[in-house]
């Protein structure tokens, strides 16, 4: 897609210690240090201490859909946690855990047998030699503030490093930290189709309790 297209969509690997904004009054590193195309805005955000995939677009409709909390669109994260989560801890995360702002939706949890192929972080993580660490893939269908970090902490395994690897079908594959590229037409269609499927699935899930109540009237 041409960079002057009105519906331009780009994917970007946000490095550690970069704000999900184009300006900062405190002169911290922002998206403007890496992305030099005008009028694109992030569809969602990553915290300054988190890394990985951001989708930015000029298209307001797509941005609205990607940020709509009622659409259970999947996001996958690689979390390096302190300790070794037990099967029961993983089941708790999969079922949902109670946080201050409510219970999380069911999640998918996968313990990785080896560390993922990621670049070294510019600021090394805090490690304790007496405690092992584990990489976990966490797939969510919602986006509460600092959700992965709060979820793993709630079951006793603080997150040391967090990298978002995918938003629906769009991944970090082929990117390096600090780099961006426009989505192809096929990638953009795949993302749109994924959002549509997630919307239908979420609506069915919301309808099921109502159908259940009617069946018992």
C-alpha atoms as a PDB file:
ATOM      1  CA  UNK A   1       0.000   0.000   0.000  1.00  0.00           C
ATOM      2  CA  UNK A   2       1.248   3.488  -0.874  1.00  0.00           C
ATOM      3  CA  UNK A   3       2.374   5.614   2.049  1.00  0.00           C
ATOM      4  CA  UNK A   4       0.007   8.431   1.022  1.00  0.00           C
ATOM      5  CA  UNK A   5      -3.057   6.140   1.053  1.00  0.00           C
ATOM      6  CA  UNK A   6      -5.911   7.425   3.220  1.00  0.00           C
ATOM      7  CA  UNK A   7      -6.300   4.010   4.887  1.00  0.00           C
ATOM      8  CA  UNK A   8      -2.609   3.275   5.385  1.00  0.00           C
ATOM      9  CA  UNK A   9      -1.931   0.623   8.054  1.00  0.00           C
ATOM     10  CA  UNK A  10       1.555  -0.086   9.381  1.00  0.00           C
ATOM     11  CA  UNK A  11       2.982  -2.551  11.864  1.00  0.00           C
ATOM     12  CA  UNK A  12       5.775  -1.485  14.172  1.00  0.00           C
ATOM     13  CA  UNK A  13       8.031  -3.205  16.695  1.00  0.00           C
ATOM     14  CA  UNK A  14       8.064  -0.813  19.618  1.00  0.00           C
ATOM     15  CA  UNK A  15      11.310  -1.033  21.565  1.00  0.00           C
ATOM     16  CA  UNK A  16      11.603  -0.905  25.353  1.00  0.00           C
ATOM     17  CA  UNK A  17      11.485   2.566  26.944  1.00  0.00           C
ATOM     18  CA  UNK A  18       9.510   4.167  24.099  1.00  0.00           C
ATOM     19  CA  UNK A  19       6.183   5.922  24.692  1.00  0.00           C
ATOM     20  CA  UNK A  20       3.149   5.033  22.567  1.00  0.00           C
ATOM     21  CA  UNK A  21       2.790   8.675  21.552  1.00  0.00           C
ATOM     22  CA  UNK A  22       4.351  11.024  19.027  1.00  0.00           C
ATOM     23  CA  UNK A  23       5.145  13.824  21.469  1.00  0.00           C
ATOM     24  CA  UNK A  24       6.269  14.032  25.076  1.00  0.00           C
ATOM     25  CA  UNK A  25       6.735  17.186  27.180  1.00  0.00           C
ATOM     26  CA  UNK A  26       9.512  15.469  29.121  1.00  0.00           C
ATOM     27  CA  UNK A  27      11.546  14.725  25.991  1.00  0.00           C
ATOM     28  CA  UNK A  28      11.396  10.950  26.364  1.00  0.00           C
ATOM     29  CA  UNK A  29      11.654   8.645  23.372  1.00  0.00           C
ATOM     30  CA  UNK A  30       8.426   8.458  21.337  1.00  0.00           C
ATOM     31  CA  UNK A  31       7.076   6.918  18.145  1.00  0.00           C
ATOM     32  CA  UNK A  32       8.275  10.013  16.275  1.00  0.00           C
ATOM     33  CA  UNK A  33      11.852   8.820  16.762  1.00  0.00           C
ATOM     34  CA  UNK A  34      11.082   5.796  14.554  1.00  0.00           C
ATOM     35  CA  UNK A  35       8.047   6.468  12.339  1.00  0.00           C
ATOM     36  CA  UNK A  36       8.325   9.234   9.758  1.00  0.00           C
ATOM     37  CA  UNK A  37       4.971   9.009   7.945  1.00  0.00           C
ATOM     38  CA  UNK A  38       2.332  11.628   8.816  1.00  0.00           C
ATOM     39  CA  UNK A  39      -1.154  11.197  10.239  1.00  0.00           C
ATOM     40  CA  UNK A  40      -0.958   7.626  11.496  1.00  0.00           C
ATOM     41  CA  UNK A  41      -2.192   6.865  15.001  1.00  0.00           C
ATOM     42  CA  UNK A  42      -1.709   3.841  17.222  1.00  0.00           C
ATOM     43  CA  UNK A  43      -4.691   1.508  17.543  1.00  0.00           C
ATOM     44  CA  UNK A  44      -4.160   0.762  21.216  1.00  0.00           C
ATOM     45  CA  UNK A  45      -0.985   1.114  23.181  1.00  0.00           C
ATOM     46  CA  UNK A  46       1.896  -0.593  24.895  1.00  0.00           C
ATOM     47  CA  UNK A  47       3.330   0.645  28.162  1.00  0.00           C
ATOM     48  CA  UNK A  48       6.727   2.297  28.100  1.00  0.00           C
ATOM     49  CA  UNK A  49       8.357  -0.773  29.668  1.00  0.00           C
ATOM     50  CA  UNK A  50       6.668  -3.206  27.263  1.00  0.00           C
ATOM     51  CA  UNK A  51       7.834  -4.083  23.771  1.00  0.00           C
ATOM     52  CA  UNK A  52       6.519  -5.498  20.552  1.00  0.00           C
ATOM     53  CA  UNK A  53       3.763  -5.080  18.016  1.00  0.00           C
ATOM     54  CA  UNK A  54       1.817  -1.883  17.482  1.00  0.00           C
ATOM     55  CA  UNK A  55      -0.603  -1.307  14.631  1.00  0.00           C
ATOM     56  CA  UNK A  56      -0.914   2.285  13.439  1.00  0.00           C
ATOM     57  CA  UNK A  57      -3.366   3.539  10.843  1.00  0.00           C
ATOM     58  CA  UNK A  58      -4.921   6.585   9.221  1.00  0.00           C
ATOM     59  CA  UNK A  59      -8.233   4.754   8.995  1.00  0.00           C
ATOM     60  CA  UNK A  60     -10.504   5.812  11.850  1.00  0.00           C
ATOM     61  CA  UNK A  61     -12.900   2.872  11.378  1.00  0.00           C
ATOM     62  CA  UNK A  62     -10.158   0.267  11.691  1.00  0.00           C
ATOM     63  CA  UNK A  63      -8.631   2.019  14.685  1.00  0.00           C
ATOM     64  CA  UNK A  64     -12.033   2.128  16.397  1.00  0.00           C
ATOM     65  CA  UNK A  65     -12.576  -1.594  15.821  1.00  0.00           C
ATOM     66  CA  UNK A  66      -9.149  -2.546  17.105  1.00  0.00           C
ATOM     67  CA  UNK A  67      -9.782  -0.564  20.293  1.00  0.00           C
ATOM     68  CA  UNK A  68     -13.388  -1.709  20.813  1.00  0.00           C
ATOM     69  CA  UNK A  69     -13.492  -3.626  24.142  1.00  0.00           C
ATOM     70  CA  UNK A  70     -16.636  -5.534  23.100  1.00  0.00           C
ATOM     71  CA  UNK A  71     -14.795  -7.243  20.227  1.00  0.00           C
ATOM     72  CA  UNK A  72     -12.835 -10.148  21.678  1.00  0.00           C
ATOM     73  CA  UNK A  73      -9.981  -9.824  19.215  1.00  0.00           C
ATOM     74  CA  UNK A  74      -6.940 -11.906  20.249  1.00  0.00           C
ATOM     75  CA  UNK A  75      -3.597 -10.427  21.253  1.00  0.00           C
ATOM     76  CA  UNK A  76      -0.628 -12.668  22.022  1.00  0.00           C
ATOM     77  CA  UNK A  77       2.221 -11.778  24.368  1.00  0.00           C
ATOM     78  CA  UNK A  78       5.525 -13.354  25.327  1.00  0.00           C
ATOM     79  CA  UNK A  79       6.015 -12.902  29.060  1.00  0.00           C
ATOM     80  CA  UNK A  80       9.215 -13.712  30.904  1.00  0.00           C
ATOM     81  CA  UNK A  81       8.073 -14.401  34.461  1.00  0.00           C
ATOM     82  CA  UNK A  82       9.932 -14.905  37.688  1.00  0.00           C
ATOM     83  CA  UNK A  83       9.636 -18.499  38.843  1.00  0.00           C
ATOM     84  CA  UNK A  84       8.073 -21.542  37.203  1.00  0.00           C
ATOM     85  CA  UNK A  85       4.268 -21.427  36.977  1.00  0.00           C
ATOM     86  CA  UNK A  86       2.545 -24.601  38.121  1.00  0.00           C
ATOM     87  CA  UNK A  87      -0.226 -26.286  36.120  1.00  0.00           C
ATOM     88  CA  UNK A  88      -2.748 -24.952  38.653  1.00  0.00           C
ATOM     89  CA  UNK A  89      -1.431 -21.391  38.226  1.00  0.00           C
ATOM     90  CA  UNK A  90      -1.836 -21.738  34.467  1.00  0.00           C
ATOM     91  CA  UNK A  91      -5.379 -23.032  34.896  1.00  0.00           C
ATOM     92  CA  UNK A  92      -6.201 -20.022  37.074  1.00  0.00           C
ATOM     93  CA  UNK A  93      -4.960 -17.681  34.363  1.00  0.00           C
ATOM     94  CA  UNK A  94      -6.902 -19.606  31.720  1.00  0.00           C
ATOM     95  CA  UNK A  95     -10.130 -19.418  33.732  1.00  0.00           C
ATOM     96  CA  UNK A  96      -9.651 -15.734  34.590  1.00  0.00           C
ATOM     97  CA  UNK A  97      -8.329 -14.020  37.706  1.00  0.00           C
ATOM     98  CA  UNK A  98      -9.875 -11.322  39.857  1.00  0.00           C
ATOM     99  CA  UNK A  99      -8.196  -7.924  39.490  1.00  0.00           C
ATOM    100  CA  UNK A 100      -9.142  -4.598  41.058  1.00  0.00           C
ATOM    101  CA  UNK A 101     -11.041  -3.600  37.926  1.00  0.00           C
ATOM    102  CA  UNK A 102     -12.848  -6.922  37.532  1.00  0.00           C
ATOM    103  CA  UNK A 103     -12.332 -10.504  36.541  1.00  0.00           C
ATOM    104  CA  UNK A 104     -10.321 -11.176  33.404  1.00  0.00           C
ATOM    105  CA  UNK A 105     -11.781 -13.095  30.497  1.00  0.00           C
ATOM    106  CA  UNK A 106     -10.542 -16.636  29.879  1.00  0.00           C
ATOM    107  CA  UNK A 107      -7.032 -16.664  28.398  1.00  0.00           C
ATOM    108  CA  UNK A 108      -4.800 -19.116  26.570  1.00  0.00           C
ATOM    109  CA  UNK A 109      -1.562 -19.976  28.380  1.00  0.00           C
ATOM    110  CA  UNK A 110       1.413 -21.861  26.958  1.00  0.00           C
ATOM    111  CA  UNK A 111       4.634 -22.553  28.841  1.00  0.00           C
ATOM    112  CA  UNK A 112       7.513 -22.326  26.341  1.00  0.00           C
ATOM    113  CA  UNK A 113      10.133 -25.056  26.460  1.00  0.00           C
ATOM    114  CA  UNK A 114      12.885 -22.631  25.426  1.00  0.00           C
ATOM    115  CA  UNK A 115      13.284 -18.840  25.326  1.00  0.00           C
ATOM    116  CA  UNK A 116      11.886 -17.140  22.198  1.00  0.00           C
ATOM    117  CA  UNK A 117      14.237 -15.628  19.649  1.00  0.00           C
ATOM    118  CA  UNK A 118      14.193 -12.004  20.782  1.00  0.00           C
ATOM    119  CA  UNK A 119      16.832  -9.278  20.768  1.00  0.00           C
ATOM    120  CA  UNK A 120      18.478  -8.359  24.041  1.00  0.00           C
ATOM    121  CA  UNK A 121      16.655  -5.589  25.841  1.00  0.00           C
ATOM    122  CA  UNK A 122      18.480  -2.254  25.956  1.00  0.00           C
ATOM    123  CA  UNK A 123      18.091  -2.240  29.736  1.00  0.00           C
ATOM    124  CA  UNK A 124      18.635  -5.743  31.137  1.00  0.00           C
ATOM    125  CA  UNK A 125      15.853  -7.266  33.211  1.00  0.00           C
ATOM    126  CA  UNK A 126      16.211  -7.676  36.946  1.00  0.00           C
ATOM    127  CA  UNK A 127      17.125 -11.267  37.721  1.00  0.00           C
ATOM    128  CA  UNK A 128      17.734 -13.172  40.930  1.00  0.00           C
ATOM    129  CA  UNK A 129      20.158 -16.049  40.608  1.00  0.00           C
ATOM    130  CA  UNK A 130      18.291 -18.075  43.228  1.00  0.00           C
ATOM    131  CA  UNK A 131      14.993 -17.959  41.280  1.00  0.00           C
ATOM    132  CA  UNK A 132      14.588 -19.366  37.754  1.00  0.00           C
ATOM    133  CA  UNK A 133      12.562 -17.571  35.109  1.00  0.00           C
ATOM    134  CA  UNK A 134      10.131 -18.946  32.547  1.00  0.00           C
ATOM    135  CA  UNK A 135       8.781 -17.742  29.214  1.00  0.00           C
ATOM    136  CA  UNK A 136       5.016 -17.957  28.802  1.00  0.00           C
ATOM    137  CA  UNK A 137       2.821 -17.176  25.805  1.00  0.00           C
ATOM    138  CA  UNK A 138      -0.375 -15.419  26.924  1.00  0.00           C
ATOM    139  CA  UNK A 139      -3.251 -14.826  24.501  1.00  0.00           C
ATOM    140  CA  UNK A 140      -5.974 -12.407  25.612  1.00  0.00           C
ATOM    141  CA  UNK A 141      -9.191 -11.123  24.073  1.00  0.00           C
ATOM    142  CA  UNK A 142      -9.296  -7.890  26.073  1.00  0.00           C
ATOM    143  CA  UNK A 143      -6.946  -5.096  27.037  1.00  0.00           C
ATOM    144  CA  UNK A 144      -7.133  -3.985  30.636  1.00  0.00           C
ATOM    145  CA  UNK A 145      -4.374  -1.656  31.805  1.00  0.00           C
ATOM    146  CA  UNK A 146      -1.107  -3.607  32.292  1.00  0.00           C
ATOM    147  CA  UNK A 147      -3.203  -6.755  32.210  1.00  0.00           C
ATOM    148  CA  UNK A 148      -0.582  -9.443  31.586  1.00  0.00           C
ATOM    149  CA  UNK A 149       1.667  -8.072  34.320  1.00  0.00           C
ATOM    150  CA  UNK A 150      -1.200  -7.924  36.813  1.00  0.00           C
ATOM    151  CA  UNK A 151      -2.446 -11.386  35.897  1.00  0.00           C
ATOM    152  CA  UNK A 152       0.889 -13.116  36.357  1.00  0.00           C
ATOM    153  CA  UNK A 153       1.514 -11.221  39.592  1.00  0.00           C
ATOM    154  CA  UNK A 154      -1.919 -12.289  40.871  1.00  0.00           C
ATOM    155  CA  UNK A 155      -0.886 -15.947  40.676  1.00  0.00           C
ATOM    156  CA  UNK A 156       2.557 -15.311  42.161  1.00  0.00           C
ATOM    157  CA  UNK A 157       4.798 -14.975  39.098  1.00  0.00           C
ATOM    158  CA  UNK A 158       5.784 -11.348  38.368  1.00  0.00           C
ATOM    159  CA  UNK A 159       6.498 -10.440  34.764  1.00  0.00           C
ATOM    160  CA  UNK A 160      10.097  -9.395  34.111  1.00  0.00           C
ATOM    161  CA  UNK A 161       9.822  -8.721  30.378  1.00  0.00           C
ATOM    162  CA  UNK A 162       6.790  -8.409  28.129  1.00  0.00           C
ATOM    163  CA  UNK A 163       6.702  -8.508  24.319  1.00  0.00           C
ATOM    164  CA  UNK A 164       3.490  -8.419  22.272  1.00  0.00           C
ATOM    165  CA  UNK A 165       4.047 -10.759  19.353  1.00  0.00           C
ATOM    166  CA  UNK A 166       0.677 -10.702  17.544  1.00  0.00           C
ATOM    167  CA  UNK A 167      -2.577  -8.808  17.101  1.00  0.00           C
ATOM    168  CA  UNK A 168      -4.931 -11.236  15.415  1.00  0.00           C
ATOM    169  CA  UNK A 169      -3.125 -12.512  12.302  1.00  0.00           C
ATOM    170  CA  UNK A 170      -0.567  -9.674  12.261  1.00  0.00           C
ATOM    171  CA  UNK A 171       2.756 -10.585  13.875  1.00  0.00           C
ATOM    172  CA  UNK A 172       6.293  -9.321  14.398  1.00  0.00           C
ATOM    173  CA  UNK A 173       7.638 -11.746  11.783  1.00  0.00           C
ATOM    174  CA  UNK A 174      10.138 -10.045   9.494  1.00  0.00           C
ATOM    175  CA  UNK A 175      10.503  -6.959  11.684  1.00  0.00           C
ATOM    176  CA  UNK A 176      13.299  -5.942  14.008  1.00  0.00           C
ATOM    177  CA  UNK A 177      12.999  -3.701  17.045  1.00  0.00           C
ATOM    178  CA  UNK A 178      12.428  -0.083  16.032  1.00  0.00           C
ATOM    179  CA  UNK A 179      11.375  -0.941  12.465  1.00  0.00           C
ATOM    180  CA  UNK A 180       8.006  -0.576  10.744  1.00  0.00           C
ATOM    181  CA  UNK A 181       6.443  -1.494   7.423  1.00  0.00           C
ATOM    182  CA  UNK A 182       3.037  -1.019   5.778  1.00  0.00           C
ATOM    183  CA  UNK A 183       0.634  -3.926   5.688  1.00  0.00           C
ATOM    184  CA  UNK A 184       0.053  -5.499   2.311  1.00  0.00           C
ATOM    185  CA  UNK A 185      -3.473  -5.607   0.900  1.00  0.00           C
ATOM    186  CA  UNK A 186      -3.693  -9.297   1.849  1.00  0.00           C
ATOM    187  CA  UNK A 187      -2.505  -8.603   5.405  1.00  0.00           C
ATOM    188  CA  UNK A 188      -5.008  -5.784   5.790  1.00  0.00           C
ATOM    189  CA  UNK A 189      -7.843  -8.020   4.545  1.00  0.00           C
ATOM    190  CA  UNK A 190      -6.735 -10.772   6.933  1.00  0.00           C
ATOM    191  CA  UNK A 191      -6.853  -8.309   9.835  1.00  0.00           C
ATOM    192  CA  UNK A 192     -10.309  -7.055   8.833  1.00  0.00           C
ATOM    193  CA  UNK A 193     -11.612 -10.605   8.478  1.00  0.00           C
ATOM    194  CA  UNK A 194     -10.163 -11.505  11.882  1.00  0.00           C
ATOM    195  CA  UNK A 195     -11.946  -8.569  13.501  1.00  0.00           C
ATOM    196  CA  UNK A 196     -15.211  -9.574  11.849  1.00  0.00           C
ATOM    197  CA  UNK A 197     -14.931 -13.152  13.082  1.00  0.00           C
ATOM    198  CA  UNK A 198     -14.081 -11.962  16.594  1.00  0.00           C
ATOM    199  CA  UNK A 199     -17.101  -9.652  16.612  1.00  0.00           C
ATOM    200  CA  UNK A 200     -19.428 -12.496  15.661  1.00  0.00           C
ATOM    201  CA  UNK A 201     -17.898 -14.829  18.247  1.00  0.00           C
ATOM    202  CA  UNK A 202     -18.152 -12.207  21.000  1.00  0.00           C
ATOM    203  CA  UNK A 203     -21.773 -11.478  20.152  1.00  0.00           C
ATOM    204  CA  UNK A 204     -22.642 -15.184  20.295  1.00  0.00           C
ATOM    205  CA  UNK A 205     -20.957 -15.455  23.699  1.00  0.00           C
ATOM    206  CA  UNK A 206     -23.009 -12.495  24.979  1.00  0.00           C
ATOM    207  CA  UNK A 207     -26.226 -14.002  23.586  1.00  0.00           C
ATOM    208  CA  UNK A 208     -25.780 -17.433  25.190  1.00  0.00           C
ATOM    209  CA  UNK A 209     -26.679 -16.404  28.789  1.00  0.00           C
ATOM    210  CA  UNK A 210     -29.836 -14.696  27.525  1.00  0.00           C
ATOM    211  CA  UNK A 211     -30.797 -17.791  25.545  1.00  0.00           C
ATOM    212  CA  UNK A 212     -30.155 -19.919  28.619  1.00  0.00           C
ATOM    213  CA  UNK A 213     -32.439 -17.767  30.749  1.00  0.00           C
ATOM    214  CA  UNK A 214     -35.215 -17.906  28.169  1.00  0.00           C
ATOM    215  CA  UNK A 215     -35.003 -21.698  27.993  1.00  0.00           C
ATOM    216  CA  UNK A 216     -35.739 -21.895  31.741  1.00  0.00           C
ATOM    217  CA  UNK A 217     -38.701 -19.479  31.740  1.00  0.00           C
END
